[in-house]
Each structure stands twice: as C-alpha cells, then as structure tokens.
PDB file of N, CA and C in Angstrom:
ATOM      1  N   UNK A   1     -22.098  19.078  20.531  1.00  0.00           N
ATOM      2  CA  UNK A   1     -22.764  20.356  20.745  1.00  0.00           C
ATOM      3  C   UNK A   1     -23.975  20.445  19.827  1.00  0.00           C
ATOM      4  N   UNK A   2     -25.057  20.998  20.329  1.00  0.00           N
ATOM      5  CA  UNK A   2     -26.291  21.100  19.564  1.00  0.00           C
ATOM      6  C   UNK A   2     -26.232  22.272  18.596  1.00  0.00           C
ATOM      7  N   UNK A   3     -26.942  22.125  17.491  1.00  0.00           N
ATOM      8  CA  UNK A   3     -26.975  23.196  16.503  1.00  0.00           C
ATOM      9  C   UNK A   3     -27.846  24.339  17.008  1.00  0.00           C
ATOM     10  N   UNK A   4     -27.563  25.563  16.551  1.00  0.00           N
ATOM     11  CA  UNK A   4     -28.380  26.707  16.988  1.00  0.00           C
ATOM     12  C   UNK A   4     -29.862  26.518  16.680  1.00  0.00           C
ATOM     13  N   UNK A   5     -30.177  25.898  15.561  1.00  0.00           N
ATOM     14  CA  UNK A   5     -31.599  25.733  15.231  1.00  0.00           C
ATOM     15  C   UNK A   5     -32.296  24.826  16.247  1.00  0.00           C
ATOM     16  N   UNK A   6     -31.619  23.792  16.703  1.00  0.00           N
ATOM     17  CA  UNK A   6     -32.191  22.908  17.722  1.00  0.00           C
ATOM     18  C   UNK A   6     -32.326  23.660  19.048  1.00  0.00           C
ATOM     19  N   UNK A   7     -31.306  24.448  19.395  1.00  0.00           N
ATOM     20  CA  UNK A   7     -31.386  25.246  20.621  1.00  0.00           C
ATOM     21  C   UNK A   7     -32.533  26.250  20.541  1.00  0.00           C
ATOM     22  N   UNK A   8     -32.702  26.868  19.384  1.00  0.00           N
ATOM     23  CA  UNK A   8     -33.808  27.817  19.208  1.00  0.00           C
ATOM     24  C   UNK A   8     -35.146  27.116  19.341  1.00  0.00           C
ATOM     25  N   UNK A   9     -35.249  25.934  18.781  1.00  0.00           N
ATOM     26  CA  UNK A   9     -36.489  25.155  18.875  1.00  0.00           C
ATOM     27  C   UNK A   9     -36.788  24.807  20.330  1.00  0.00           C
ATOM     28  N   UNK A  10     -35.773  24.382  21.062  1.00  0.00           N
ATOM     29  CA  UNK A  10     -35.963  24.071  22.484  1.00  0.00           C
ATOM     30  C   UNK A  10     -36.369  25.309  23.275  1.00  0.00           C
ATOM     31  N   UNK A  11     -35.761  26.457  22.943  1.00  0.00           N
ATOM     32  CA  UNK A  11     -36.101  27.703  23.638  1.00  0.00           C
ATOM     33  C   UNK A  11     -37.556  28.084  23.396  1.00  0.00           C
ATOM     34  N   UNK A  12     -38.029  27.926  22.172  1.00  0.00           N
ATOM     35  CA  UNK A  12     -39.434  28.232  21.877  1.00  0.00           C
ATOM     36  C   UNK A  12     -40.378  27.300  22.622  1.00  0.00           C
ATOM     37  N   UNK A  13     -40.019  26.022  22.686  1.00  0.00           N
ATOM     38  CA  UNK A  13     -40.841  25.065  23.442  1.00  0.00           C
ATOM     39  C   UNK A  13     -40.865  25.439  24.927  1.00  0.00           C
ATOM     40  N   UNK A  14     -39.712  25.824  25.468  1.00  0.00           N
ATOM     41  CA  UNK A  14     -39.647  26.232  26.878  1.00  0.00           C
ATOM     42  C   UNK A  14     -40.478  27.489  27.121  1.00  0.00           C
ATOM     43  N   UNK A  15     -40.413  28.437  26.180  1.00  0.00           N
ATOM     44  CA  UNK A  15     -41.189  29.673  26.322  1.00  0.00           C
ATOM     45  C   UNK A  15     -42.680  29.368  26.361  1.00  0.00           C
ATOM     46  N   UNK A  16     -43.125  28.450  25.517  1.00  0.00           N
ATOM     47  CA  UNK A  16     -44.541  28.075  25.518  1.00  0.00           C
ATOM     48  C   UNK A  16     -44.943  27.485  26.861  1.00  0.00           C
ATOM     49  N   UNK A  17     -44.076  26.655  27.429  1.00  0.00           N
ATOM     50  CA  UNK A  17     -44.370  26.071  28.739  1.00  0.00           C
ATOM     51  C   UNK A  17     -44.381  27.133  29.833  1.00  0.00           C
ATOM     52  N   UNK A  18     -43.441  28.055  29.773  1.00  0.00           N
ATOM     53  CA  UNK A  18     -43.376  29.121  30.781  1.00  0.00           C
ATOM     54  C   UNK A  18     -44.594  30.035  30.679  1.00  0.00           C
ATOM     55  N   UNK A  19     -44.998  30.365  29.450  1.00  0.00           N
ATOM     56  CA  UNK A  19     -46.185  31.214  29.273  1.00  0.00           C
ATOM     57  C   UNK A  19     -47.449  30.484  29.702  1.00  0.00           C
ATOM     58  N   UNK A  20     -47.526  29.205  29.414  1.00  0.00           N
ATOM     59  CA  UNK A  20     -48.650  28.361  29.851  1.00  0.00           C
ATOM     60  C   UNK A  20     -50.005  28.981  29.530  1.00  0.00           C
ATOM     61  N   UNK A  21     -50.114  29.545  28.331  1.00  0.00           N
ATOM     62  CA  UNK A  21     -51.383  30.131  27.908  1.00  0.00           C
ATOM     63  C   UNK A  21     -51.646  31.527  28.442  1.00  0.00           C
ATOM     64  N   UNK A  22     -50.742  32.042  29.268  1.00  0.00           N
ATOM     65  CA  UNK A  22     -50.924  33.378  29.830  1.00  0.00           C
ATOM     66  C   UNK A  22     -50.534  34.433  28.798  1.00  0.00           C
ATOM     67  N   UNK A  23     -51.118  35.593  28.908  1.00  0.00           N
ATOM     68  CA  UNK A  23     -50.758  36.720  28.055  1.00  0.00           C
ATOM     69  C   UNK A  23     -49.430  37.281  28.564  1.00  0.00           C
ATOM     70  N   UNK A  24     -48.385  37.304  27.709  1.00  0.00           N
ATOM     71  CA  UNK A  24     -47.070  37.737  28.193  1.00  0.00           C
ATOM     72  C   UNK A  24     -47.010  39.194  28.612  1.00  0.00           C
ATOM     73  N   UNK A  25     -47.956  40.014  28.158  1.00  0.00           N
ATOM     74  CA  UNK A  25     -47.972  41.428  28.555  1.00  0.00           C
ATOM     75  C   UNK A  25     -48.871  41.616  29.773  1.00  0.00           C
ATOM     76  N   UNK A  26     -50.114  41.179  29.677  1.00  0.00           N
ATOM     77  CA  UNK A  26     -51.052  41.358  30.792  1.00  0.00           C
ATOM     78  C   UNK A  26     -50.624  40.590  32.039  1.00  0.00           C
ATOM     79  N   UNK A  27     -50.047  39.413  31.844  1.00  0.00           N
ATOM     80  CA  UNK A  27     -49.645  38.557  32.960  1.00  0.00           C
ATOM     81  C   UNK A  27     -48.129  38.581  33.167  1.00  0.00           C
ATOM     82  N   UNK A  28     -47.513  39.694  32.793  1.00  0.00           N
ATOM     83  CA  UNK A  28     -46.042  39.820  32.813  1.00  0.00           C
ATOM     84  C   UNK A  28     -45.439  39.424  34.158  1.00  0.00           C
ATOM     85  N   UNK A  29     -45.985  39.901  35.247  1.00  0.00           N
ATOM     86  CA  UNK A  29     -45.408  39.622  36.571  1.00  0.00           C
ATOM     87  C   UNK A  29     -45.359  38.122  36.848  1.00  0.00           C
ATOM     88  N   UNK A  30     -46.460  37.437  36.604  1.00  0.00           N
ATOM     89  CA  UNK A  30     -46.514  35.996  36.852  1.00  0.00           C
ATOM     90  C   UNK A  30     -45.591  35.233  35.905  1.00  0.00           C
ATOM     91  N   UNK A  31     -45.535  35.661  34.648  1.00  0.00           N
ATOM     92  CA  UNK A  31     -44.661  35.012  33.670  1.00  0.00           C
ATOM     93  C   UNK A  31     -43.204  35.178  34.090  1.00  0.00           C
ATOM     94  N   UNK A  32     -42.829  36.372  34.526  1.00  0.00           N
ATOM     95  CA  UNK A  32     -41.442  36.608  34.927  1.00  0.00           C
ATOM     96  C   UNK A  32     -41.078  35.849  36.201  1.00  0.00           C
ATOM     97  N   UNK A  33     -42.037  35.663  37.090  1.00  0.00           N
ATOM     98  CA  UNK A  33     -41.777  34.845  38.282  1.00  0.00           C
ATOM     99  C   UNK A  33     -41.479  33.408  37.869  1.00  0.00           C
ATOM    100  N   UNK A  34     -42.270  32.879  36.939  1.00  0.00           N
ATOM    101  CA  UNK A  34     -42.027  31.523  36.446  1.00  0.00           C
ATOM    102  C   UNK A  34     -40.670  31.445  35.759  1.00  0.00           C
ATOM    103  N   UNK A  35     -40.324  32.465  34.984  1.00  0.00           N
ATOM    104  CA  UNK A  35     -39.022  32.505  34.331  1.00  0.00           C
ATOM    105  C   UNK A  35     -37.893  32.508  35.358  1.00  0.00           C
ATOM    106  N   UNK A  36     -38.030  33.313  36.405  1.00  0.00           N
ATOM    107  CA  UNK A  36     -37.026  33.354  37.472  1.00  0.00           C
ATOM    108  C   UNK A  36     -36.822  31.967  38.087  1.00  0.00           C
ATOM    109  N   UNK A  37     -37.925  31.299  38.390  1.00  0.00           N
ATOM    110  CA  UNK A  37     -37.854  29.953  38.965  1.00  0.00           C
ATOM    111  C   UNK A  37     -37.151  28.992  38.011  1.00  0.00           C
ATOM    112  N   UNK A  38     -37.477  29.108  36.735  1.00  0.00           N
ATOM    113  CA  UNK A  38     -36.895  28.228  35.722  1.00  0.00           C
ATOM    114  C   UNK A  38     -35.389  28.437  35.617  1.00  0.00           C
ATOM    115  N   UNK A  39     -34.971  29.678  35.523  1.00  0.00           N
ATOM    116  CA  UNK A  39     -33.541  29.985  35.412  1.00  0.00           C
ATOM    117  C   UNK A  39     -32.793  29.486  36.655  1.00  0.00           C
ATOM    118  N   UNK A  40     -33.315  29.769  37.822  1.00  0.00           N
ATOM    119  CA  UNK A  40     -32.656  29.340  39.060  1.00  0.00           C
ATOM    120  C   UNK A  40     -32.547  27.816  39.122  1.00  0.00           C
ATOM    121  N   UNK A  41     -33.606  27.135  38.749  1.00  0.00           N
ATOM    122  CA  UNK A  41     -33.600  25.667  38.787  1.00  0.00           C
ATOM    123  C   UNK A  41     -32.578  25.091  37.831  1.00  0.00           C
ATOM    124  N   UNK A  42     -32.546  25.591  36.599  1.00  0.00           N
ATOM    125  CA  UNK A  42     -31.606  25.076  35.606  1.00  0.00           C
ATOM    126  C   UNK A  42     -30.168  25.359  36.026  1.00  0.00           C
ATOM    127  N   UNK A  43     -29.900  26.566  36.542  1.00  0.00           N
ATOM    128  CA  UNK A  43     -28.548  26.889  36.986  1.00  0.00           C
ATOM    129  C   UNK A  43     -28.114  25.993  38.143  1.00  0.00           C
ATOM    130  N   UNK A  44     -29.003  25.755  39.081  1.00  0.00           N
ATOM    131  CA  UNK A  44     -28.656  24.883  40.207  1.00  0.00           C
ATOM    132  C   UNK A  44     -28.387  23.454  39.737  1.00  0.00           C
ATOM    133  N   UNK A  45     -29.184  22.963  38.818  1.00  0.00           N
ATOM    134  CA  UNK A  45     -28.968  21.608  38.288  1.00  0.00           C
ATOM    135  C   UNK A  45     -27.640  21.546  37.537  1.00  0.00           C
ATOM    136  N   UNK A  46     -27.395  22.539  36.678  1.00  0.00           N
ATOM    137  CA  UNK A  46     -26.173  22.542  35.867  1.00  0.00           C
ATOM    138  C   UNK A  46     -24.915  22.695  36.715  1.00  0.00           C
ATOM    139  N   UNK A  47     -25.049  23.365  37.841  1.00  0.00           N
ATOM    140  CA  UNK A  47     -23.884  23.608  38.698  1.00  0.00           C
ATOM    141  C   UNK A  47     -23.889  22.672  39.912  1.00  0.00           C
ATOM    142  N   UNK A  48     -24.491  21.507  39.743  1.00  0.00           N
ATOM    143  CA  UNK A  48     -24.485  20.445  40.750  1.00  0.00           C
ATOM    144  C   UNK A  48     -25.006  20.901  42.108  1.00  0.00           C
ATOM    145  N   UNK A  49     -26.073  21.694  42.076  1.00  0.00           N
ATOM    146  CA  UNK A  49     -26.761  22.174  43.284  1.00  0.00           C
ATOM    147  C   UNK A  49     -25.887  23.037  44.185  1.00  0.00           C
ATOM    148  N   UNK A  50     -24.882  23.665  43.605  1.00  0.00           N
ATOM    149  CA  UNK A  50     -24.010  24.560  44.372  1.00  0.00           C
ATOM    150  C   UNK A  50     -24.501  25.991  44.141  1.00  0.00           C
ATOM    151  N   UNK A  51     -25.130  26.608  45.157  1.00  0.00           N
ATOM    152  CA  UNK A  51     -25.692  27.948  44.977  1.00  0.00           C
ATOM    153  C   UNK A  51     -24.667  29.006  44.572  1.00  0.00           C
ATOM    154  N   UNK A  52     -23.471  28.942  45.137  1.00  0.00           N
ATOM    155  CA  UNK A  52     -22.450  29.935  44.787  1.00  0.00           C
ATOM    156  C   UNK A  52     -22.048  29.814  43.323  1.00  0.00           C
ATOM    157  N   UNK A  53     -21.844  28.590  42.850  1.00  0.00           N
ATOM    158  CA  UNK A  53     -21.491  28.384  41.445  1.00  0.00           C
ATOM    159  C   UNK A  53     -22.639  28.807  40.533  1.00  0.00           C
ATOM    160  N   UNK A  54     -23.876  28.540  40.968  1.00  0.00           N
ATOM    161  CA  UNK A  54     -25.045  28.909  40.164  1.00  0.00           C
ATOM    162  C   UNK A  54     -25.128  30.422  40.007  1.00  0.00           C
ATOM    163  N   UNK A  55     -24.913  31.153  41.091  1.00  0.00           N
ATOM    164  CA  UNK A  55     -24.945  32.624  41.033  1.00  0.00           C
ATOM    165  C   UNK A  55     -23.811  33.141  40.166  1.00  0.00           C
ATOM    166  N   UNK A  56     -22.646  32.554  40.296  1.00  0.00           N
ATOM    167  CA  UNK A  56     -21.505  32.967  39.479  1.00  0.00           C
ATOM    168  C   UNK A  56     -21.781  32.719  37.998  1.00  0.00           C
ATOM    169  N   UNK A  57     -22.340  31.551  37.678  1.00  0.00           N
ATOM    170  CA  UNK A  57     -22.661  31.242  36.287  1.00  0.00           C
ATOM    171  C   UNK A  57     -23.714  32.210  35.756  1.00  0.00           C
ATOM    172  N   UNK A  58     -24.670  32.559  36.573  1.00  0.00           N
ATOM    173  CA  UNK A  58     -25.692  33.515  36.164  1.00  0.00           C
ATOM    174  C   UNK A  58     -25.057  34.868  35.850  1.00  0.00           C
ATOM    175  N   UNK A  59     -24.225  35.363  36.771  1.00  0.00           N
ATOM    176  CA  UNK A  59     -23.623  36.689  36.611  1.00  0.00           C
ATOM    177  C   UNK A  59     -22.618  36.751  35.477  1.00  0.00           C
ATOM    178  N   UNK A  60     -21.766  35.755  35.386  1.00  0.00           N
ATOM    179  CA  UNK A  60     -20.660  35.809  34.425  1.00  0.00           C
ATOM    180  C   UNK A  60     -20.958  35.141  33.091  1.00  0.00           C
ATOM    181  N   UNK A  61     -21.894  34.205  33.079  1.00  0.00           N
ATOM    182  CA  UNK A  61     -22.164  33.467  31.851  1.00  0.00           C
ATOM    183  C   UNK A  61     -23.520  33.749  31.245  1.00  0.00           C
ATOM    184  N   UNK A  62     -24.543  33.656  32.056  1.00  0.00           N
ATOM    185  CA  UNK A  62     -25.902  33.749  31.530  1.00  0.00           C
ATOM    186  C   UNK A  62     -26.283  35.170  31.137  1.00  0.00           C
ATOM    187  N   UNK A  63     -26.122  36.123  32.040  1.00  0.00           N
ATOM    188  CA  UNK A  63     -26.552  37.499  31.768  1.00  0.00           C
ATOM    189  C   UNK A  63     -25.883  38.075  30.517  1.00  0.00           C
ATOM    190  N   UNK A  64     -24.562  37.974  30.374  1.00  0.00           N
ATOM    191  CA  UNK A  64     -23.954  38.527  29.162  1.00  0.00           C
ATOM    192  C   UNK A  64     -24.457  37.873  27.871  1.00  0.00           C
ATOM    193  N   UNK A  65     -24.684  36.566  27.915  1.00  0.00           N
ATOM    194  CA  UNK A  65     -25.166  35.887  26.709  1.00  0.00           C
ATOM    195  C   UNK A  65     -26.608  36.264  26.379  1.00  0.00           C
ATOM    196  N   UNK A  66     -27.415  36.438  27.392  1.00  0.00           N
ATOM    197  CA  UNK A  66     -28.796  36.873  27.161  1.00  0.00           C
ATOM    198  C   UNK A  66     -28.795  38.277  26.568  1.00  0.00           C
ATOM    199  N   UNK A  67     -27.961  39.155  27.103  1.00  0.00           N
ATOM    200  CA  UNK A  67     -27.859  40.511  26.557  1.00  0.00           C
ATOM    201  C   UNK A  67     -27.420  40.485  25.098  1.00  0.00           C
ATOM    202  N   UNK A  68     -26.454  39.617  24.771  1.00  0.00           N
ATOM    203  CA  UNK A  68     -25.994  39.492  23.380  1.00  0.00           C
ATOM    204  C   UNK A  68     -27.126  39.040  22.458  1.00  0.00           C
ATOM    205  N   UNK A  69     -27.903  38.067  22.908  1.00  0.00           N
ATOM    206  CA  UNK A  69     -29.010  37.560  22.081  1.00  0.00           C
ATOM    207  C   UNK A  69     -30.075  38.641  21.862  1.00  0.00           C
ATOM    208  N   UNK A  70     -30.351  39.421  22.891  1.00  0.00           N
ATOM    209  CA  UNK A  70     -31.342  40.496  22.750  1.00  0.00           C
ATOM    210  C   UNK A  70     -30.834  41.554  21.777  1.00  0.00           C
ATOM    211  N   UNK A  71     -29.564  41.905  21.872  1.00  0.00           N
ATOM    212  CA  UNK A  71     -28.998  42.886  20.957  1.00  0.00           C
ATOM    213  C   UNK A  71     -28.949  42.369  19.521  1.00  0.00           C
ATOM    214  N   UNK A  72     -28.691  41.080  19.347  1.00  0.00           N
ATOM    215  CA  UNK A  72     -28.713  40.479  18.020  1.00  0.00           C
ATOM    216  C   UNK A  72     -30.120  40.566  17.437  1.00  0.00           C
ATOM    217  N   UNK A  73     -31.121  40.274  18.260  1.00  0.00           N
ATOM    218  CA  UNK A  73     -32.508  40.393  17.823  1.00  0.00           C
ATOM    219  C   UNK A  73     -32.807  41.835  17.407  1.00  0.00           C
ATOM    220  N   UNK A  74     -32.355  42.785  18.219  1.00  0.00           N
ATOM    221  CA  UNK A  74     -32.598  44.204  17.931  1.00  0.00           C
ATOM    222  C   UNK A  74     -31.926  44.615  16.629  1.00  0.00           C
ATOM    223  N   UNK A  75     -30.711  44.151  16.392  1.00  0.00           N
ATOM    224  CA  UNK A  75     -30.005  44.537  15.172  1.00  0.00           C
ATOM    225  C   UNK A  75     -30.665  43.954  13.931  1.00  0.00           C
ATOM    226  N   UNK A  76     -31.186  42.736  14.042  1.00  0.00           N
ATOM    227  CA  UNK A  76     -31.888  42.115  12.904  1.00  0.00           C
ATOM    228  C   UNK A  76     -33.213  42.824  12.634  1.00  0.00           C
ATOM    229  N   UNK A  77     -33.822  43.280  13.694  1.00  0.00           N
ATOM    230  CA  UNK A  77     -35.118  43.962  13.573  1.00  0.00           C
ATOM    231  C   UNK A  77     -34.975  45.309  12.858  1.00  0.00           C
ATOM    232  N   UNK A  78     -33.841  45.994  13.109  1.00  0.00           N
ATOM    233  CA  UNK A  78     -33.586  47.293  12.479  1.00  0.00           C
ATOM    234  C   UNK A  78     -33.201  47.153  11.014  1.00  0.00           C
ATOM    235  N   UNK A  79     -32.635  46.006  10.672  1.00  0.00           N
ATOM    236  CA  UNK A  79     -32.141  45.811   9.286  1.00  0.00           C
ATOM    237  C   UNK A  79     -33.260  45.623   8.285  1.00  0.00           C
TER     238      UNK A  79
END
C-alpha cells in the first residue's frame, strides 16, 4: 500500500494535468467536465470495464471518501 504522502503527491500531479493551465474558477465548467471524464475512466479501469461495478464503487466507495477528505481539509483550515 502506498503512503499518504505519495498518494497526495500523485493527486497534485493529476490535478495539474486536469487543470492543464486553465483557471480553476473562470474555467470551472470545463475543468469539472475533465474531472468527470477522469473519474469515470479510472473507475471503469479499476472495475475491469464493468459499468455497474464502476457506478457502485463510485456511490459506495469514492463519494464517501471524497467527502471525508474535504471535511478533513475544512477542519484543518478552521484550526
């Protein structure tokens, strides 16, 4: 299993690629479309191209973990 610091580093590299020099606020719609494509692609690859499993993993695994990470960020920001 990879260390959190390595995962964080990979996430930052992925974010840079997804932003691709675009302004994340002004170009929000286009950035979020790219993010949607990225998430769908990774889920399909991880779930062996099974759309039902990919949707299930998104709903039951990905969304709750993303929410947890955002709340962790928020709690650190308030401290």
